[in-house]
């Protein structure tokens, strides 16, 4: 099967941290399929500041990198980047059969929903199965997390595009375990649906040591803290409003947390709109919070081997997260055998499903601190036992080969229904 995977913000080795398109494509390729990743030449998650070339091959996986302007922040330039990417997707049709093979399936992934607009035209032109992949719930993700008005023009455009995608898709997929409940609420419960979370490759190589300055510094700090008898918690990921880091810092600044500041250390990796503020607040801590910037993907595993607890940063948005969450952190943390702190109520997530840590809808800084401290005051053996539960669960339920096969099986079932 020829599968075109359209994801504006795709990553992979040497490209960027969003590895899902690469990991799925590698698994599909091993299973005898022919994937093509279609991404923007420029987006804010790239490992580089200059645009990518038009074509890339990474470990045998083909990428097409389409024209889309550079931007900073969330202003009009980013919206124009979305528009230009979608416009560029349309020209892929002219490359068949001269330069590309006809697609059997087109997956329009939704870091934003607008990719589905050109995808519908391409699917119709090639009689391909159209899959709309829900990553974020549009526009619910924006209205709940950012507090944006529901009548804002961009929000209205997102809502209209989302409804259009559900109508036109032959199959709806999602990384969220309870997205089918969202579809039912929206009146699309009759549509074929498949859950395809972000997965891991248990057989994949794991670096033995960190190669970057950031990774090496983190390991040095973690070892010193542990030698001093501290539990070490890590957050590796973006530093934006949805990631719950300001709320976590609020918890660490409570009176009880200050009284126990010599019992734990916090390592924060990443970049994003709140990075400067997080730096400022960490500098006011009693030396137990370190912000170290963005860490290269290969260095994550060596660093995680040195810590005790993984923080799955989110804000407590019940209206949004009742449909589940799918964080790349789950795979990274649990594969490393870390116990985890998830600051939202259980929602089909691997932390609560496996018993690998604490998942609690903390409404106040004191409640979040209490949940965190319940893991800090455990013995190393107790934390390790929780971590092993997570490792076993993630290896069983989130193994990428099984997810990729489940995806293809659902696509093939939808193709038969089309005919």
Protein backbone atom coordinates (compact mmCIF):
# COMPACT_ATOMS: atom_id res chain seq x y z
CA UNK A 1 0.00 0.00 0.00
CA UNK A 2 1.24 3.48 -0.87
CA UNK A 3 0.58 5.71 2.14
CA UNK A 4 0.96 9.49 2.06
CA UNK A 5 1.28 10.83 5.59
CA UNK A 6 0.55 14.57 5.64
CA UNK A 7 1.83 16.17 8.83
CA UNK A 8 2.84 19.83 8.68
CA UNK A 9 5.19 19.63 11.69
CA UNK A 10 6.84 16.28 10.98
CA UNK A 11 10.21 15.40 12.47
CA UNK A 12 12.63 12.53 12.67
CA UNK A 13 16.38 11.99 13.03
CA UNK A 14 18.16 15.21 12.10
CA UNK A 15 14.83 16.96 11.40
CA UNK A 16 12.96 17.61 14.61
CA UNK A 17 11.47 16.05 17.76
CA UNK A 18 8.07 15.05 16.31
CA UNK A 19 9.04 11.45 15.50
CA UNK A 20 5.56 9.96 14.99
CA UNK A 21 5.52 10.16 11.15
CA UNK A 22 9.02 8.67 11.00
CA UNK A 23 8.30 5.87 13.49
CA UNK A 24 5.05 4.84 11.80
CA UNK A 25 6.69 4.99 8.38
CA UNK A 26 9.57 2.78 9.51
CA UNK A 27 7.09 0.22 10.84
CA UNK A 28 4.97 0.35 7.67
CA UNK A 29 8.06 -0.07 5.53
CA UNK A 30 9.07 -3.19 7.49
CA UNK A 31 5.55 -4.52 6.91
CA UNK A 32 5.88 -4.15 3.13
CA UNK A 33 4.20 -0.78 2.56
CA UNK A 34 5.52 2.33 0.84
CA UNK A 35 5.13 5.45 3.01
CA UNK A 36 5.78 9.07 2.08
CA UNK A 37 5.96 11.80 4.73
CA UNK A 38 4.76 15.21 3.52
CA UNK A 39 5.79 18.14 5.71
CA UNK A 40 6.59 21.86 5.56
CA UNK A 41 10.08 22.99 4.62
CA UNK A 42 9.95 25.30 7.61
CA UNK A 43 8.18 25.04 10.96
CA UNK A 44 9.00 25.98 14.53
CA UNK A 45 9.86 22.44 15.64
CA UNK A 46 12.78 21.91 13.27
CA UNK A 47 16.24 21.20 14.65
CA UNK A 48 17.59 23.84 12.26
CA UNK A 49 16.76 27.48 11.56
CA UNK A 50 17.04 27.27 7.76
CA UNK A 51 14.38 25.62 5.56
CA UNK A 52 14.73 21.97 4.61
CA UNK A 53 15.46 20.88 1.03
CA UNK A 54 12.56 19.80 -1.16
CA UNK A 55 13.29 16.09 -0.69
CA UNK A 56 14.89 14.04 2.06
CA UNK A 57 15.54 10.37 2.69
CA UNK A 58 16.10 9.49 6.34
CA UNK A 59 16.99 5.87 7.11
CA UNK A 60 15.13 4.83 3.98
CA UNK A 61 12.03 6.94 4.65
CA UNK A 62 11.12 9.45 1.94
CA UNK A 63 10.11 13.00 2.86
CA UNK A 64 8.65 15.71 0.66
CA UNK A 65 9.22 19.13 2.19
CA UNK A 66 6.80 21.70 0.80
CA UNK A 67 7.06 25.45 0.50
CA UNK A 68 5.93 27.36 3.60
CA UNK A 69 7.37 30.63 4.86
CA UNK A 70 9.42 31.14 8.00
CA UNK A 71 7.70 32.63 11.06
CA UNK A 72 8.14 33.39 14.72
CA UNK A 73 5.47 33.18 17.38
CA UNK A 74 1.75 32.77 16.72
CA UNK A 75 1.00 35.79 14.55
CA UNK A 76 -0.19 36.20 10.99
CA UNK A 77 3.08 34.80 9.58
CA UNK A 78 2.32 31.43 11.17
CA UNK A 79 -1.19 31.43 9.72
CA UNK A 80 0.31 32.20 6.30
CA UNK A 81 2.75 29.32 6.81
CA UNK A 82 -0.27 27.02 7.31
CA UNK A 83 -1.93 28.41 4.19
CA UNK A 84 1.17 27.99 2.06
CA UNK A 85 1.72 24.43 3.23
CA UNK A 86 -1.87 23.50 2.36
CA UNK A 87 -1.57 25.20 -1.02
CA UNK A 88 1.66 23.31 -1.66
CA UNK A 89 0.02 19.96 -0.78
CA UNK A 90 -2.29 20.42 -3.76
CA UNK A 91 0.61 20.35 -6.24
CA UNK A 92 1.54 16.81 -5.19
CA UNK A 93 -1.15 15.60 -7.56
CA UNK A 94 0.83 16.91 -10.51
CA UNK A 95 3.82 14.74 -9.56
CA UNK A 96 1.88 11.49 -10.16
CA UNK A 97 2.97 9.36 -11.99
CA UNK A 98 6.09 11.27 -13.15
CA UNK A 99 7.77 11.56 -9.77
CA UNK A 100 5.45 9.94 -7.21
CA UNK A 101 3.43 6.76 -7.06
CA UNK A 102 -0.33 7.04 -6.81
CA UNK A 103 -1.44 6.94 -3.16
CA UNK A 104 -3.76 4.21 -1.89
CA UNK A 105 -4.32 6.07 1.37
CA UNK A 106 -3.84 9.68 2.42
CA UNK A 107 -3.58 10.46 6.12
CA UNK A 108 -4.24 14.12 6.98
CA UNK A 109 -2.85 14.60 10.47
CA UNK A 110 -4.11 17.51 12.51
CA UNK A 111 -1.51 19.50 14.35
CA UNK A 112 -3.92 21.97 12.69
CA UNK A 113 -7.01 20.78 10.80
CA UNK A 114 -6.53 22.65 7.51
CA UNK A 115 -4.38 19.94 5.90
CA UNK A 116 -7.57 18.03 5.26
CA UNK A 117 -8.75 20.59 2.68
CA UNK A 118 -6.21 19.72 -0.04
CA UNK A 119 -6.18 16.10 1.15
CA UNK A 120 -9.86 15.71 0.23
CA UNK A 121 -9.12 16.81 -3.35
CA UNK A 122 -6.14 14.49 -3.66
CA UNK A 123 -8.05 11.52 -2.27
CA UNK A 124 -10.87 12.11 -4.74
CA UNK A 125 -8.46 12.50 -7.67
CA UNK A 126 -6.70 9.20 -6.93
CA UNK A 127 -9.61 7.26 -5.42
CA UNK A 128 -7.52 6.96 -2.27
CA UNK A 129 -8.84 6.26 1.22
CA UNK A 130 -8.93 9.49 3.19
CA UNK A 131 -7.96 9.28 6.86
CA UNK A 132 -8.37 12.26 9.18
CA UNK A 133 -6.03 11.82 12.12
CA UNK A 134 -7.03 13.65 15.31
CA UNK A 135 -4.01 14.82 17.26
CA UNK A 136 -5.53 17.91 18.85
CA UNK A 137 -9.25 18.58 19.16
CA UNK A 138 -9.92 21.69 17.09
CA UNK A 139 -10.97 24.20 18.20
CA UNK A 140 -11.44 22.83 21.74
CA UNK A 141 -7.68 22.76 22.35
CA UNK A 142 -7.40 26.50 21.74
CA UNK A 143 -10.56 27.65 23.49
CA UNK A 144 -9.86 25.60 26.62
CA UNK A 145 -6.11 26.08 26.97
CA UNK A 146 -5.70 29.64 25.68
CA UNK A 147 -9.13 30.94 26.59
CA UNK A 148 -9.70 32.19 23.03
CA UNK A 149 -13.23 33.30 22.22
CA UNK A 150 -15.37 30.73 20.42
CA UNK A 151 -16.41 33.40 17.91
CA UNK A 152 -12.87 34.40 16.98
CA UNK A 153 -12.50 34.07 13.16
CA UNK A 154 -9.66 31.55 13.44
CA UNK A 155 -11.68 29.44 15.90
CA UNK A 156 -14.71 29.49 13.62
CA UNK A 157 -12.51 28.43 10.70
CA UNK A 158 -11.08 25.55 12.77
CA UNK A 159 -14.53 24.39 13.83
CA UNK A 160 -15.87 24.45 10.28
CA UNK A 161 -12.82 22.60 8.95
CA UNK A 162 -13.10 19.97 11.67
CA UNK A 163 -16.75 19.25 10.78
CA UNK A 164 -15.83 19.11 7.09
CA UNK A 165 -13.05 16.62 7.85
CA UNK A 166 -15.38 14.32 9.76
CA UNK A 167 -17.91 14.38 6.93
CA UNK A 168 -15.40 13.66 4.18
CA UNK A 169 -13.10 11.15 5.89
CA UNK A 170 -13.45 7.46 5.07
CA UNK A 171 -11.75 6.66 8.37
CA UNK A 172 -11.09 8.75 11.48
CA UNK A 173 -8.06 7.92 13.60
CA UNK A 174 -6.73 9.47 16.76
CA UNK A 175 -3.87 9.38 19.22
CA UNK A 176 -6.45 10.03 21.97
CA UNK A 177 -7.90 6.86 23.55
CA UNK A 178 -11.37 8.31 24.05
CA UNK A 179 -11.72 10.42 20.91
CA UNK A 180 -14.57 8.16 19.79
CA UNK A 181 -16.64 9.72 22.59
CA UNK A 182 -15.90 13.16 21.15
CA UNK A 183 -17.00 12.00 17.69
CA UNK A 184 -20.22 10.63 19.10
CA UNK A 185 -20.89 13.91 20.88
CA UNK A 186 -20.35 15.77 17.60
CA UNK A 187 -22.75 13.47 15.72
CA UNK A 188 -20.13 11.37 13.93
CA UNK A 189 -20.23 8.27 16.10
CA UNK A 190 -21.18 6.22 13.03
CA UNK A 191 -17.84 6.87 11.33
CA UNK A 192 -15.17 4.12 11.28
CA UNK A 193 -12.65 4.90 14.03
CA UNK A 194 -9.27 3.52 15.11
CA UNK A 195 -7.11 4.44 18.10
CA UNK A 196 -3.45 4.73 17.09
CA UNK A 197 -1.39 6.30 19.89
CA UNK A 198 2.19 7.50 19.73
CA UNK A 199 4.22 4.33 20.08
CA UNK A 200 7.68 3.05 20.90
CA UNK A 201 10.03 0.58 19.27
CA UNK A 202 11.27 -1.71 22.08
CA UNK A 203 13.94 -3.11 19.74
CA UNK A 204 15.28 0.30 18.76
CA UNK A 205 18.79 1.32 19.69
CA UNK A 206 19.25 3.42 22.82
CA UNK A 207 22.33 5.60 23.20
CA UNK A 208 24.64 4.55 26.00
CA UNK A 209 25.84 8.07 26.80
CA UNK A 210 24.82 11.65 26.12
CA UNK A 211 26.77 13.40 23.37
CA UNK A 212 25.49 16.98 23.82
CA UNK A 213 26.64 19.54 26.34
CA UNK A 214 23.08 19.82 27.66
CA UNK A 215 22.76 16.08 28.16
CA UNK A 216 26.13 15.75 29.86
CA UNK A 217 25.40 18.65 32.20
CA UNK A 218 22.03 17.16 33.11
CA UNK A 219 23.60 13.80 33.98
CA UNK A 220 26.22 15.50 36.14
CA UNK A 221 23.57 17.46 38.05
CA UNK A 222 21.30 14.44 38.48
CA UNK A 223 24.13 12.28 39.85
CA UNK A 224 25.16 14.97 42.32
CA UNK A 225 21.58 15.35 43.54
CA UNK A 226 21.09 11.62 43.93
CA UNK A 227 24.37 11.29 45.81
CA UNK A 228 22.98 13.92 48.19
CA UNK A 229 19.89 11.76 48.73
CA UNK A 230 17.50 13.75 46.55
CA UNK A 231 14.83 12.31 44.25
CA UNK A 232 15.23 13.72 40.75
CA UNK A 233 12.24 14.63 38.57
CA UNK A 234 12.47 15.55 34.89
CA UNK A 235 10.30 17.25 32.31
CA UNK A 236 11.49 16.97 28.71
CA UNK A 237 9.35 18.77 26.15
CA UNK A 238 7.83 22.05 25.11
CA UNK A 239 7.55 25.04 27.43
CA UNK A 240 4.26 26.57 26.39
CA UNK A 241 0.94 27.25 28.17
CA UNK A 242 -0.45 23.72 27.61
CA UNK A 243 2.54 22.03 29.26
CA UNK A 244 1.70 22.90 32.86
CA UNK A 245 5.18 24.05 33.89
CA UNK A 246 4.07 27.31 35.47
CA UNK A 247 1.52 25.37 37.50
CA UNK A 248 4.25 22.93 38.53
CA UNK A 249 6.49 25.80 39.61
CA UNK A 250 3.57 27.21 41.61
CA UNK A 251 3.43 23.86 43.45
CA UNK A 252 7.17 23.92 44.09
CA UNK A 253 6.87 27.40 45.61
CA UNK A 254 4.30 26.44 48.25
CA UNK A 255 5.32 26.57 51.88
CA UNK A 256 5.47 22.77 52.22
CA UNK A 257 7.56 22.41 49.07
CA UNK A 258 10.04 25.00 50.30
CA UNK A 259 10.33 23.13 53.58
CA UNK A 260 11.32 19.95 51.71
CA UNK A 261 13.44 21.57 48.98
CA UNK A 262 16.50 19.53 49.96
CA UNK A 263 14.65 16.26 49.25
CA UNK A 264 14.27 16.67 45.48
CA UNK A 265 15.73 18.25 42.37
CA UNK A 266 13.95 19.23 39.15
CA UNK A 267 15.44 19.18 35.64
CA UNK A 268 13.46 21.06 32.98
CA UNK A 269 14.35 20.61 29.30
CA UNK A 270 12.78 22.22 26.27
CA UNK A 271 11.93 25.48 24.60
CA UNK A 272 8.82 27.53 23.95
CA UNK A 273 6.99 30.73 24.65
CA UNK A 274 7.29 30.48 28.43
CA UNK A 275 10.98 29.57 28.49
CA UNK A 276 12.20 32.97 29.72
CA UNK A 277 9.65 33.15 32.52
CA UNK A 278 10.47 29.61 33.61
CA UNK A 279 14.16 30.52 33.69
CA UNK A 280 13.45 33.56 35.88
CA UNK A 281 11.39 31.59 38.35
CA UNK A 282 13.88 28.74 38.52
CA UNK A 283 16.65 31.18 39.38
CA UNK A 284 14.68 32.19 42.49
CA UNK A 285 14.52 28.58 43.72
CA UNK A 286 16.83 27.35 46.51
CA UNK A 287 19.06 25.73 43.88
CA UNK A 288 16.91 22.64 43.29
CA UNK A 289 15.40 23.63 39.91
CA UNK A 290 17.56 23.71 36.78
CA UNK A 291 16.41 24.78 33.29
CA UNK A 292 18.79 23.40 30.68
CA UNK A 293 17.22 24.15 27.30
CA UNK A 294 16.32 21.75 24.51
CA UNK A 295 17.90 18.31 24.61
CA UNK A 296 18.65 16.30 21.43
CA UNK A 297 16.35 13.29 21.05
CA UNK A 298 19.18 10.68 21.22
CA UNK A 299 20.29 12.12 24.58
CA UNK A 300 16.91 11.74 26.25
CA UNK A 301 17.34 8.07 27.14
CA UNK A 302 20.81 8.44 28.75
CA UNK A 303 19.51 11.33 30.87
CA UNK A 304 16.36 9.48 31.91
CA UNK A 305 18.46 6.60 33.21
CA UNK A 306 19.80 8.98 35.85
CA UNK A 307 16.48 10.28 37.22
CA UNK A 308 13.61 8.92 39.31
CA UNK A 309 10.32 10.56 38.26
CA UNK A 310 8.92 11.79 34.95
CA UNK A 311 6.61 14.81 34.96
CA UNK A 312 3.96 14.54 32.24
CA UNK A 313 3.25 18.25 32.11
CA UNK A 314 -0.28 19.36 31.29
CA UNK A 315 -2.73 21.92 32.61
CA UNK A 316 -5.85 20.57 34.27
CA UNK A 317 -8.43 21.07 31.49
CA UNK A 318 -11.21 18.57 32.20
CA UNK A 319 -13.40 19.58 29.24
CA UNK A 320 -10.52 18.82 26.87
CA UNK A 321 -8.68 15.92 28.48
CA UNK A 322 -11.76 13.84 29.23
CA UNK A 323 -11.14 12.41 25.74
CA UNK A 324 -7.62 11.29 26.63
CA UNK A 325 -4.07 12.46 26.12
CA UNK A 326 -1.18 11.12 24.08
CA UNK A 327 2.23 12.47 25.02
CA UNK A 328 5.54 11.41 23.52
CA UNK A 329 6.81 11.67 27.10
CA UNK A 330 4.82 8.56 28.05
CA UNK A 331 6.95 6.37 25.80
CA UNK A 332 10.23 8.01 26.78
CA UNK A 333 9.57 7.93 30.51
CA UNK A 334 8.04 4.47 30.73
CA UNK A 335 10.57 2.84 28.44
CA UNK A 336 13.20 4.15 30.89
CA UNK A 337 11.28 2.62 33.80
CA UNK A 338 10.38 5.92 35.47
CA UNK A 339 7.39 6.34 37.70
CA UNK A 340 5.29 9.25 36.45
CA UNK A 341 3.29 12.21 37.67
CA UNK A 342 0.34 13.17 35.46
CA UNK A 343 -1.48 16.25 36.83
CA UNK A 344 -4.90 15.45 35.35
CA UNK A 345 -7.64 12.97 36.22
CA UNK A 346 -7.33 9.44 34.76
CA UNK A 347 -8.54 9.45 31.14
CA UNK A 348 -7.45 6.15 29.61
CA UNK A 349 -3.83 7.32 29.87
CA UNK A 350 -0.97 4.82 30.33
CA UNK A 351 -0.01 6.21 33.74
CA UNK A 352 -3.33 5.36 35.36
CA UNK A 353 -3.99 2.29 33.19
CA UNK A 354 -0.66 0.70 34.12
CA UNK A 355 -0.38 1.96 37.69
CA UNK A 356 2.99 3.51 36.85
CA UNK A 357 2.57 6.52 39.08
CA UNK A 358 0.07 9.18 40.06
CA UNK A 359 -2.62 10.69 37.83
CA UNK A 360 -4.69 13.26 39.70
CA UNK A 361 -6.73 16.27 38.68
CA UNK A 362 -4.88 18.75 40.87
CA UNK A 363 -6.82 22.02 41.13
CA UNK A 364 -4.48 23.92 43.45
CA UNK A 365 -0.69 24.19 43.86
CA UNK A 366 -1.00 22.42 47.21
CA UNK A 367 -2.80 19.46 45.63
CA UNK A 368 -0.16 19.18 42.91
CA UNK A 369 2.63 19.38 45.47
CA UNK A 370 0.97 16.65 47.53
CA UNK A 371 0.79 14.35 44.50
CA UNK A 372 4.42 15.04 43.64
CA UNK A 373 5.64 14.57 47.21
CA UNK A 374 3.88 11.21 47.45
CA UNK A 375 6.40 9.99 44.85
CA UNK A 376 9.36 11.88 46.31
CA UNK A 377 9.02 10.28 49.74
CA UNK A 378 8.85 6.76 48.33
CA UNK A 379 11.92 4.56 48.50
CA UNK A 380 13.98 3.92 45.38
CA UNK A 381 12.60 0.37 45.34
CA UNK A 382 8.98 1.54 45.50
CA UNK A 383 9.49 3.97 42.63
CA UNK A 384 11.27 1.29 40.62
CA UNK A 385 8.33 -1.10 41.08
CA UNK A 386 5.94 1.52 39.71
CA UNK A 387 8.32 2.18 36.84
CA UNK A 388 8.45 -1.51 35.93
CA UNK A 389 4.67 -1.59 35.69
CA UNK A 390 4.85 1.27 33.21
CA UNK A 391 7.65 -0.34 31.22
CA UNK A 392 5.73 -3.60 30.86
CA UNK A 393 2.54 -1.79 29.88
CA UNK A 394 4.13 0.50 27.31
CA UNK A 395 6.05 -2.37 25.71
CA UNK A 396 2.84 -4.36 25.40
CA UNK A 397 0.21 -1.77 24.46
CA UNK A 398 2.25 0.96 22.74
CA UNK A 399 4.59 -1.10 20.58
CA UNK A 400 4.88 0.72 17.25
CA UNK A 401 4.71 -2.34 14.99
CA UNK A 402 1.35 -3.35 16.44
CA UNK A 403 0.02 0.19 16.19
CA UNK A 404 1.16 0.47 12.56
CA UNK A 405 -0.51 -2.83 11.66
CA UNK A 406 -3.72 -1.82 13.43
CA UNK A 407 -3.67 1.41 11.40
CA UNK A 408 -3.26 -0.44 8.09
CA UNK A 409 -5.93 -3.00 8.97
CA UNK A 410 -8.40 -0.16 9.63
CA UNK A 411 -7.46 1.54 6.35
CA UNK A 412 -7.93 -1.69 4.41
CA UNK A 413 -11.34 -2.24 6.03
CA UNK A 414 -12.34 1.30 5.06
CA UNK A 415 -11.14 0.71 1.47
CA UNK A 416 -13.35 -2.36 1.19
CA UNK A 417 -16.31 -0.33 2.43
CA UNK A 418 -15.53 2.34 -0.18
CA UNK A 419 -15.77 -0.22 -2.93
